[in-house]
């Protein structure tokens, strides 16, 4: 018999539970992501209750024609009962109700079967690169955000202004030539992304990465989720980064391979693209 539970919007208390469970799983949830999903995208955060218990959490981020599902988490003692699938299907329906045509997510190998059953295909991989700070914190060259929006739109086929305005207010755009990236600030954790290169030229990309590294002070950590298919996928190693994780990139719906080739790194750690 198919399980049924009650799905509702998440509250502040639900976030506390989720973050506790996420930490136990070794997940990284940056402060900007929490703020985003408690603010402009709060309508896409859901919790499932079953048997009067907390049984799951998920986020759904709509950018227009494209949307992302992330943070799908069921407590260990509640797994293998169908709750994750029910919650995931609700997130899909929510995004489709907002007009989303292409659904995206990142998945572990263990999570892949759930998404394959629902029509998702593997379109690539994402490697997480990590570097501890320690360089000199110099001035960051800020580009015109409109040009970065334009480059990002070439990847996804649409402007993602709501997302980029939010992240840009909490970071600094770095640009040179046909390459632009957003350095998302944080006291102990910084993220480089989205990172777009229209030419794929290593010289430009190297300057962007070097500048980002110089801006990360001692005690902070810089993470980048880079697409395996990028011609710049191995560049972080030259700046002292180490690979610390890998996930599959999966999608359901129309995908533009040419757009993906322009993308170096995601704007998130897998949750909203």
C-alpha atoms as a PDB file:
ATOM      1  CA  UNK A   1       0.000   0.000   0.000  1.00  0.00           C
ATOM      2  CA  UNK A   2       1.353   3.397  -0.999  1.00  0.00           C
ATOM      3  CA  UNK A   3       2.196   5.522   2.047  1.00  0.00           C
ATOM      4  CA  UNK A   4       0.397   8.786   2.634  1.00  0.00           C
ATOM      5  CA  UNK A   5       1.478  11.642   4.806  1.00  0.00           C
ATOM      6  CA  UNK A   6       0.692  15.309   5.259  1.00  0.00           C
ATOM      7  CA  UNK A   7       2.884  17.761   3.369  1.00  0.00           C
ATOM      8  CA  UNK A   8       3.046  21.374   4.528  1.00  0.00           C
ATOM      9  CA  UNK A   9       5.242  24.441   4.213  1.00  0.00           C
ATOM     10  CA  UNK A  10       8.342  24.457   6.392  1.00  0.00           C
ATOM     11  CA  UNK A  11       8.608  26.557   9.539  1.00  0.00           C
ATOM     12  CA  UNK A  12      11.630  27.890  11.423  1.00  0.00           C
ATOM     13  CA  UNK A  13      11.411  24.867  13.728  1.00  0.00           C
ATOM     14  CA  UNK A  14      11.550  22.552  10.709  1.00  0.00           C
ATOM     15  CA  UNK A  15      14.748  24.226   9.561  1.00  0.00           C
ATOM     16  CA  UNK A  16      16.309  23.508  12.936  1.00  0.00           C
ATOM     17  CA  UNK A  17      15.463  19.821  12.575  1.00  0.00           C
ATOM     18  CA  UNK A  18      16.679  19.702   8.979  1.00  0.00           C
ATOM     19  CA  UNK A  19      20.004  21.400   9.722  1.00  0.00           C
ATOM     20  CA  UNK A  20      20.650  18.992  12.598  1.00  0.00           C
ATOM     21  CA  UNK A  21      20.002  15.982  10.347  1.00  0.00           C
ATOM     22  CA  UNK A  22      21.953  17.502   7.451  1.00  0.00           C
ATOM     23  CA  UNK A  23      24.991  17.992   9.680  1.00  0.00           C
ATOM     24  CA  UNK A  24      24.803  14.335  10.694  1.00  0.00           C
ATOM     25  CA  UNK A  25      24.868  13.417   6.977  1.00  0.00           C
ATOM     26  CA  UNK A  26      27.909  15.611   6.385  1.00  0.00           C
ATOM     27  CA  UNK A  27      25.975  18.046   4.182  1.00  0.00           C
ATOM     28  CA  UNK A  28      27.103  21.652   3.789  1.00  0.00           C
ATOM     29  CA  UNK A  29      24.276  24.208   3.941  1.00  0.00           C
ATOM     30  CA  UNK A  30      25.642  27.755   3.519  1.00  0.00           C
ATOM     31  CA  UNK A  31      24.076  30.694   5.330  1.00  0.00           C
ATOM     32  CA  UNK A  32      23.050  32.277   2.001  1.00  0.00           C
ATOM     33  CA  UNK A  33      21.080  29.175   1.088  1.00  0.00           C
ATOM     34  CA  UNK A  34      19.186  29.177   4.374  1.00  0.00           C
ATOM     35  CA  UNK A  35      18.436  32.876   3.971  1.00  0.00           C
ATOM     36  CA  UNK A  36      17.278  32.355   0.372  1.00  0.00           C
ATOM     37  CA  UNK A  37      14.876  29.545   1.242  1.00  0.00           C
ATOM     38  CA  UNK A  38      13.585  31.365   4.307  1.00  0.00           C
ATOM     39  CA  UNK A  39      13.091  34.509   2.234  1.00  0.00           C
ATOM     40  CA  UNK A  40      12.410  34.906  -1.523  1.00  0.00           C
ATOM     41  CA  UNK A  41      12.009  31.159  -2.150  1.00  0.00           C
ATOM     42  CA  UNK A  42      10.267  30.166   1.085  1.00  0.00           C
ATOM     43  CA  UNK A  43       7.213  29.036  -0.898  1.00  0.00           C
ATOM     44  CA  UNK A  44       9.254  26.096  -2.219  1.00  0.00           C
ATOM     45  CA  UNK A  45      10.248  24.464   1.082  1.00  0.00           C
ATOM     46  CA  UNK A  46       8.174  21.513   2.286  1.00  0.00           C
ATOM     47  CA  UNK A  47       8.003  19.090   5.185  1.00  0.00           C
ATOM     48  CA  UNK A  48       6.242  15.727   5.295  1.00  0.00           C
ATOM     49  CA  UNK A  49       4.601  14.467   8.464  1.00  0.00           C
ATOM     50  CA  UNK A  50       3.688  10.797   8.875  1.00  0.00           C
ATOM     51  CA  UNK A  51       2.296   8.989  11.896  1.00  0.00           C
ATOM     52  CA  UNK A  52       2.466  12.275  13.838  1.00  0.00           C
ATOM     53  CA  UNK A  53       6.220  12.390  13.222  1.00  0.00           C
ATOM     54  CA  UNK A  54       8.633  14.506  11.172  1.00  0.00           C
ATOM     55  CA  UNK A  55       9.393  12.400   8.104  1.00  0.00           C
ATOM     56  CA  UNK A  56      11.130  14.534   5.514  1.00  0.00           C
ATOM     57  CA  UNK A  57      12.266  17.851   4.048  1.00  0.00           C
ATOM     58  CA  UNK A  58      12.792  19.174   0.510  1.00  0.00           C
ATOM     59  CA  UNK A  59      13.431  22.444  -1.327  1.00  0.00           C
ATOM     60  CA  UNK A  60      12.183  23.452  -4.776  1.00  0.00           C
ATOM     61  CA  UNK A  61      13.644  26.510  -6.519  1.00  0.00           C
ATOM     62  CA  UNK A  62      11.894  27.956  -9.575  1.00  0.00           C
ATOM     63  CA  UNK A  63      13.804  30.193 -11.982  1.00  0.00           C
ATOM     64  CA  UNK A  64      11.105  30.334 -14.676  1.00  0.00           C
ATOM     65  CA  UNK A  65      11.358  27.580 -17.281  1.00  0.00           C
ATOM     66  CA  UNK A  66      13.972  25.781 -15.182  1.00  0.00           C
ATOM     67  CA  UNK A  67      13.823  24.632 -11.583  1.00  0.00           C
ATOM     68  CA  UNK A  68      15.898  22.716  -9.041  1.00  0.00           C
ATOM     69  CA  UNK A  69      15.021  20.197  -6.368  1.00  0.00           C
ATOM     70  CA  UNK A  70      17.405  19.833  -3.463  1.00  0.00           C
ATOM     71  CA  UNK A  71      17.868  19.036   0.203  1.00  0.00           C
ATOM     72  CA  UNK A  72      15.671  15.933   0.039  1.00  0.00           C
ATOM     73  CA  UNK A  73      16.219  14.373   3.438  1.00  0.00           C
ATOM     74  CA  UNK A  74      14.337  11.694   5.361  1.00  0.00           C
ATOM     75  CA  UNK A  75      15.416  10.758   8.909  1.00  0.00           C
ATOM     76  CA  UNK A  76      17.348   7.444   8.941  1.00  0.00           C
ATOM     77  CA  UNK A  77      14.702   5.651  10.983  1.00  0.00           C
ATOM     78  CA  UNK A  78      11.990   6.642   8.460  1.00  0.00           C
ATOM     79  CA  UNK A  79      13.722   5.579   5.262  1.00  0.00           C
ATOM     80  CA  UNK A  80      12.713   2.817   2.814  1.00  0.00           C
ATOM     81  CA  UNK A  81       9.021   3.445   3.434  1.00  0.00           C
ATOM     82  CA  UNK A  82       8.254   5.634   0.410  1.00  0.00           C
ATOM     83  CA  UNK A  83       8.261   8.979   2.222  1.00  0.00           C
ATOM     84  CA  UNK A  84      11.117  10.409   0.174  1.00  0.00           C
ATOM     85  CA  UNK A  85       9.369   9.577  -3.083  1.00  0.00           C
ATOM     86  CA  UNK A  86       6.130  11.179  -1.938  1.00  0.00           C
ATOM     87  CA  UNK A  87       7.903  14.345  -0.873  1.00  0.00           C
ATOM     88  CA  UNK A  88       9.931  14.465  -4.092  1.00  0.00           C
ATOM     89  CA  UNK A  89       6.798  14.073  -6.226  1.00  0.00           C
ATOM     90  CA  UNK A  90       5.232  16.991  -4.366  1.00  0.00           C
ATOM     91  CA  UNK A  91       8.258  19.168  -5.159  1.00  0.00           C
ATOM     92  CA  UNK A  92       8.022  18.196  -8.838  1.00  0.00           C
ATOM     93  CA  UNK A  93       4.316  19.065  -8.941  1.00  0.00           C
ATOM     94  CA  UNK A  94       4.999  22.384  -7.231  1.00  0.00           C
ATOM     95  CA  UNK A  95       7.573  23.395  -9.845  1.00  0.00           C
ATOM     96  CA  UNK A  96       5.462  22.205 -12.761  1.00  0.00           C
ATOM     97  CA  UNK A  97       2.583  24.247 -11.372  1.00  0.00           C
ATOM     98  CA  UNK A  98       4.833  27.301 -11.681  1.00  0.00           C
ATOM     99  CA  UNK A  99       5.532  26.600 -15.341  1.00  0.00           C
ATOM    100  CA  UNK A 100       8.896  24.874 -14.992  1.00  0.00           C
ATOM    101  CA  UNK A 101       9.762  22.784 -18.065  1.00  0.00           C
ATOM    102  CA  UNK A 102      13.200  21.440 -17.144  1.00  0.00           C
ATOM    103  CA  UNK A 103      13.858  19.981 -13.703  1.00  0.00           C
ATOM    104  CA  UNK A 104      17.411  19.728 -12.358  1.00  0.00           C
ATOM    105  CA  UNK A 105      19.069  18.105  -9.378  1.00  0.00           C
ATOM    106  CA  UNK A 106      22.340  16.641  -8.180  1.00  0.00           C
ATOM    107  CA  UNK A 107      22.294  13.093  -6.860  1.00  0.00           C
ATOM    108  CA  UNK A 108      24.509  10.543  -5.203  1.00  0.00           C
ATOM    109  CA  UNK A 109      24.814   7.106  -6.770  1.00  0.00           C
ATOM    110  CA  UNK A 110      22.551   5.732  -4.034  1.00  0.00           C
ATOM    111  CA  UNK A 111      19.854   8.298  -4.814  1.00  0.00           C
ATOM    112  CA  UNK A 112      20.017   7.824  -8.587  1.00  0.00           C
ATOM    113  CA  UNK A 113      17.422   5.003  -8.838  1.00  0.00           C
ATOM    114  CA  UNK A 114      14.710   7.187  -7.254  1.00  0.00           C
ATOM    115  CA  UNK A 115      15.162   9.811  -9.948  1.00  0.00           C
ATOM    116  CA  UNK A 116      15.584   7.396 -12.856  1.00  0.00           C
ATOM    117  CA  UNK A 117      12.157   5.955 -12.039  1.00  0.00           C
ATOM    118  CA  UNK A 118      10.736   9.454 -12.430  1.00  0.00           C
ATOM    119  CA  UNK A 119      12.204  10.143 -15.845  1.00  0.00           C
ATOM    120  CA  UNK A 120      15.410  11.926 -14.893  1.00  0.00           C
ATOM    121  CA  UNK A 121      18.546  11.294 -16.937  1.00  0.00           C
ATOM    122  CA  UNK A 122      22.183  11.719 -15.995  1.00  0.00           C
ATOM    123  CA  UNK A 123      23.615  14.594 -18.046  1.00  0.00           C
ATOM    124  CA  UNK A 124      26.969  14.977 -16.303  1.00  0.00           C
ATOM    125  CA  UNK A 125      28.800  15.028 -13.023  1.00  0.00           C
ATOM    126  CA  UNK A 126      29.784  17.653 -10.463  1.00  0.00           C
ATOM    127  CA  UNK A 127      33.006  17.571  -8.451  1.00  0.00           C
ATOM    128  CA  UNK A 128      33.358  19.635  -5.294  1.00  0.00           C
ATOM    129  CA  UNK A 129      36.718  21.334  -4.841  1.00  0.00           C
ATOM    130  CA  UNK A 130      37.904  22.709  -1.511  1.00  0.00           C
ATOM    131  CA  UNK A 131      40.684  25.092  -0.539  1.00  0.00           C
ATOM    132  CA  UNK A 132      41.475  26.542   2.859  1.00  0.00           C
ATOM    133  CA  UNK A 133      42.077  30.292   3.005  1.00  0.00           C
ATOM    134  CA  UNK A 134      45.342  31.872   3.924  1.00  0.00           C
ATOM    135  CA  UNK A 135      46.224  34.195   1.083  1.00  0.00           C
ATOM    136  CA  UNK A 136      46.234  37.944   1.268  1.00  0.00           C
ATOM    137  CA  UNK A 137      42.764  39.464   1.202  1.00  0.00           C
ATOM    138  CA  UNK A 138      43.022  42.020  -1.579  1.00  0.00           C
ATOM    139  CA  UNK A 139      40.470  44.177  -3.311  1.00  0.00           C
ATOM    140  CA  UNK A 140      37.923  42.354  -5.450  1.00  0.00           C
ATOM    141  CA  UNK A 141      37.289  43.666  -8.931  1.00  0.00           C
ATOM    142  CA  UNK A 142      33.540  44.094  -9.281  1.00  0.00           C
ATOM    143  CA  UNK A 143      32.012  43.810 -12.735  1.00  0.00           C
ATOM    144  CA  UNK A 144      28.719  45.139 -13.980  1.00  0.00           C
ATOM    145  CA  UNK A 145      26.123  42.634 -12.762  1.00  0.00           C
ATOM    146  CA  UNK A 146      24.134  43.024 -15.960  1.00  0.00           C
ATOM    147  CA  UNK A 147      26.916  41.418 -17.983  1.00  0.00           C
ATOM    148  CA  UNK A 148      27.063  38.524 -15.528  1.00  0.00           C
ATOM    149  CA  UNK A 149      23.289  38.098 -15.768  1.00  0.00           C
ATOM    150  CA  UNK A 150      23.608  37.964 -19.530  1.00  0.00           C
ATOM    151  CA  UNK A 151      26.309  35.307 -19.407  1.00  0.00           C
ATOM    152  CA  UNK A 152      24.318  33.219 -16.922  1.00  0.00           C
ATOM    153  CA  UNK A 153      21.250  33.481 -19.166  1.00  0.00           C
ATOM    154  CA  UNK A 154      23.243  31.979 -22.053  1.00  0.00           C
ATOM    155  CA  UNK A 155      23.800  28.870 -19.934  1.00  0.00           C
ATOM    156  CA  UNK A 156      20.224  28.349 -18.796  1.00  0.00           C
ATOM    157  CA  UNK A 157      18.297  29.942 -21.656  1.00  0.00           C
ATOM    158  CA  UNK A 158      16.606  32.467 -19.380  1.00  0.00           C
ATOM    159  CA  UNK A 159      17.507  35.255 -16.937  1.00  0.00           C
ATOM    160  CA  UNK A 160      17.711  34.151 -13.311  1.00  0.00           C
ATOM    161  CA  UNK A 161      17.646  37.695 -11.972  1.00  0.00           C
ATOM    162  CA  UNK A 162      15.827  36.919  -8.710  1.00  0.00           C
ATOM    163  CA  UNK A 163      18.522  34.433  -7.749  1.00  0.00           C
ATOM    164  CA  UNK A 164      21.490  36.471  -8.967  1.00  0.00           C
ATOM    165  CA  UNK A 165      20.258  39.709  -7.384  1.00  0.00           C
ATOM    166  CA  UNK A 166      19.943  37.901  -4.053  1.00  0.00           C
ATOM    167  CA  UNK A 167      23.357  36.241  -4.224  1.00  0.00           C
ATOM    168  CA  UNK A 168      25.051  39.276  -5.738  1.00  0.00           C
ATOM    169  CA  UNK A 169      24.013  41.418  -2.781  1.00  0.00           C
ATOM    170  CA  UNK A 170      25.945  38.974  -0.569  1.00  0.00           C
ATOM    171  CA  UNK A 171      29.018  38.596  -2.748  1.00  0.00           C
ATOM    172  CA  UNK A 172      31.287  40.150  -5.365  1.00  0.00           C
ATOM    173  CA  UNK A 173      31.323  39.605  -9.105  1.00  0.00           C
ATOM    174  CA  UNK A 174      34.711  38.840 -10.618  1.00  0.00           C
ATOM    175  CA  UNK A 175      35.127  39.227 -14.368  1.00  0.00           C
ATOM    176  CA  UNK A 176      37.708  39.386 -17.088  1.00  0.00           C
ATOM    177  CA  UNK A 177      37.104  39.090 -20.818  1.00  0.00           C
ATOM    178  CA  UNK A 178      34.385  36.522 -21.477  1.00  0.00           C
ATOM    179  CA  UNK A 179      34.540  34.948 -18.009  1.00  0.00           C
ATOM    180  CA  UNK A 180      32.519  35.936 -14.931  1.00  0.00           C
ATOM    181  CA  UNK A 181      32.050  34.375 -11.516  1.00  0.00           C
ATOM    182  CA  UNK A 182      30.372  35.321  -8.258  1.00  0.00           C
ATOM    183  CA  UNK A 183      32.326  34.986  -5.027  1.00  0.00           C
ATOM    184  CA  UNK A 184      29.721  34.437  -2.305  1.00  0.00           C
ATOM    185  CA  UNK A 185      31.012  35.814   0.974  1.00  0.00           C
ATOM    186  CA  UNK A 186      30.885  34.129   4.373  1.00  0.00           C
ATOM    187  CA  UNK A 187      32.883  34.217   7.587  1.00  0.00           C
ATOM    188  CA  UNK A 188      34.015  30.596   7.465  1.00  0.00           C
ATOM    189  CA  UNK A 189      32.633  29.334   4.137  1.00  0.00           C
ATOM    190  CA  UNK A 190      32.742  31.030   0.745  1.00  0.00           C
ATOM    191  CA  UNK A 191      31.464  29.705  -2.568  1.00  0.00           C
ATOM    192  CA  UNK A 192      32.643  30.537  -6.077  1.00  0.00           C
ATOM    193  CA  UNK A 193      29.651  30.335  -8.387  1.00  0.00           C
ATOM    194  CA  UNK A 194      27.931  30.730 -10.661  1.00  0.00           C
ATOM    195  CA  UNK A 195      31.013  30.695 -12.848  1.00  0.00           C
ATOM    196  CA  UNK A 196      30.500  31.115 -16.593  1.00  0.00           C
ATOM    197  CA  UNK A 197      33.118  31.093 -19.347  1.00  0.00           C
ATOM    198  CA  UNK A 198      31.910  31.832 -22.860  1.00  0.00           C
ATOM    199  CA  UNK A 199      35.314  31.081 -24.403  1.00  0.00           C
ATOM    200  CA  UNK A 200      36.690  28.380 -22.092  1.00  0.00           C
ATOM    201  CA  UNK A 201      40.043  30.185 -22.117  1.00  0.00           C
ATOM    202  CA  UNK A 202      42.217  28.963 -19.245  1.00  0.00           C
ATOM    203  CA  UNK A 203      44.064  32.260 -18.988  1.00  0.00           C
ATOM    204  CA  UNK A 204      40.897  34.166 -18.085  1.00  0.00           C
ATOM    205  CA  UNK A 205      39.604  31.434 -15.809  1.00  0.00           C
ATOM    206  CA  UNK A 206      42.935  31.223 -14.026  1.00  0.00           C
ATOM    207  CA  UNK A 207      42.836  34.942 -13.252  1.00  0.00           C
ATOM    208  CA  UNK A 208      39.313  34.606 -11.832  1.00  0.00           C
ATOM    209  CA  UNK A 209      40.309  31.685  -9.624  1.00  0.00           C
ATOM    210  CA  UNK A 210      43.505  33.367  -8.449  1.00  0.00           C
ATOM    211  CA  UNK A 211      41.594  36.505  -7.505  1.00  0.00           C
ATOM    212  CA  UNK A 212      38.988  34.506  -5.596  1.00  0.00           C
ATOM    213  CA  UNK A 213      41.684  32.639  -3.675  1.00  0.00           C
ATOM    214  CA  UNK A 214      43.396  35.892  -2.678  1.00  0.00           C
ATOM    215  CA  UNK A 215      40.145  37.163  -1.212  1.00  0.00           C
ATOM    216  CA  UNK A 216      39.589  34.194   1.116  1.00  0.00           C
ATOM    217  CA  UNK A 217      41.220  35.020   4.428  1.00  0.00           C
ATOM    218  CA  UNK A 218      42.766  32.680   7.010  1.00  0.00           C
ATOM    219  CA  UNK A 219      40.271  30.434   8.760  1.00  0.00           C
ATOM    220  CA  UNK A 220      37.831  30.491   5.844  1.00  0.00           C
ATOM    221  CA  UNK A 221      37.201  27.797   3.267  1.00  0.00           C
ATOM    222  CA  UNK A 222      36.410  28.147  -0.438  1.00  0.00           C
ATOM    223  CA  UNK A 223      34.203  25.578  -2.186  1.00  0.00           C
ATOM    224  CA  UNK A 224      33.465  25.234  -5.898  1.00  0.00           C
ATOM    225  CA  UNK A 225      31.056  22.743  -7.485  1.00  0.00           C
ATOM    226  CA  UNK A 226      32.535  22.327 -10.977  1.00  0.00           C
ATOM    227  CA  UNK A 227      30.979  20.435 -13.870  1.00  0.00           C
ATOM    228  CA  UNK A 228      33.077  17.461 -14.930  1.00  0.00           C
ATOM    229  CA  UNK A 229      32.382  18.252 -18.573  1.00  0.00           C
ATOM    230  CA  UNK A 230      33.921  21.719 -18.383  1.00  0.00           C
ATOM    231  CA  UNK A 231      37.230  22.186 -20.185  1.00  0.00           C
ATOM    232  CA  UNK A 232      38.335  23.952 -16.982  1.00  0.00           C
ATOM    233  CA  UNK A 233      37.379  21.090 -14.661  1.00  0.00           C
ATOM    234  CA  UNK A 234      40.957  20.441 -13.511  1.00  0.00           C
ATOM    235  CA  UNK A 235      41.951  24.091 -13.051  1.00  0.00           C
ATOM    236  CA  UNK A 236      41.355  24.242  -9.251  1.00  0.00           C
ATOM    237  CA  UNK A 237      44.122  21.697  -8.643  1.00  0.00           C
ATOM    238  CA  UNK A 238      46.640  24.250  -9.928  1.00  0.00           C
ATOM    239  CA  UNK A 239      45.559  26.630  -7.144  1.00  0.00           C
ATOM    240  CA  UNK A 240      45.854  24.095  -4.345  1.00  0.00           C
ATOM    241  CA  UNK A 241      42.261  22.851  -4.284  1.00  0.00           C
ATOM    242  CA  UNK A 242      41.462  19.253  -3.414  1.00  0.00           C
ATOM    243  CA  UNK A 243      38.459  17.210  -4.645  1.00  0.00           C
ATOM    244  CA  UNK A 244      36.251  16.391  -1.658  1.00  0.00           C
ATOM    245  CA  UNK A 245      33.070  14.984  -3.207  1.00  0.00           C
ATOM    246  CA  UNK A 246      31.239  14.032  -6.371  1.00  0.00           C
ATOM    247  CA  UNK A 247      27.595  13.891  -7.465  1.00  0.00           C
ATOM    248  CA  UNK A 248      25.663  13.203 -10.631  1.00  0.00           C
ATOM    249  CA  UNK A 249      23.964  16.028 -12.508  1.00  0.00           C
ATOM    250  CA  UNK A 250      20.490  14.907 -13.569  1.00  0.00           C
ATOM    251  CA  UNK A 251      17.689  16.557 -15.517  1.00  0.00           C
ATOM    252  CA  UNK A 252      14.190  15.926 -16.827  1.00  0.00           C
ATOM    253  CA  UNK A 253      13.028  17.987 -19.763  1.00  0.00           C
ATOM    254  CA  UNK A 254      14.787  19.973 -22.503  1.00  0.00           C
ATOM    255  CA  UNK A 255      18.540  20.432 -21.950  1.00  0.00           C
ATOM    256  CA  UNK A 256      20.823  22.664 -24.024  1.00  0.00           C
ATOM    257  CA  UNK A 257      24.260  20.987 -24.260  1.00  0.00           C
ATOM    258  CA  UNK A 258      25.799  24.158 -25.689  1.00  0.00           C
ATOM    259  CA  UNK A 259      24.630  26.109 -22.660  1.00  0.00           C
ATOM    260  CA  UNK A 260      26.102  23.596 -20.247  1.00  0.00           C
ATOM    261  CA  UNK A 261      29.466  23.811 -22.011  1.00  0.00           C
ATOM    262  CA  UNK A 262      29.631  27.477 -20.998  1.00  0.00           C
ATOM    263  CA  UNK A 263      29.068  26.658 -17.331  1.00  0.00           C
ATOM    264  CA  UNK A 264      32.122  26.082 -15.166  1.00  0.00           C
ATOM    265  CA  UNK A 265      30.556  25.958 -11.685  1.00  0.00           C
ATOM    266  CA  UNK A 266      27.111  25.975 -10.113  1.00  0.00           C
ATOM    267  CA  UNK A 267      25.780  28.836  -7.998  1.00  0.00           C
ATOM    268  CA  UNK A 268      25.015  26.480  -5.127  1.00  0.00           C
ATOM    269  CA  UNK A 269      26.187  23.280  -3.511  1.00  0.00           C
ATOM    270  CA  UNK A 270      23.606  21.428  -5.584  1.00  0.00           C
ATOM    271  CA  UNK A 271      20.364  22.885  -4.265  1.00  0.00           C
ATOM    272  CA  UNK A 272      19.289  25.642  -6.640  1.00  0.00           C
ATOM    273  CA  UNK A 273      21.515  25.579  -9.708  1.00  0.00           C
END
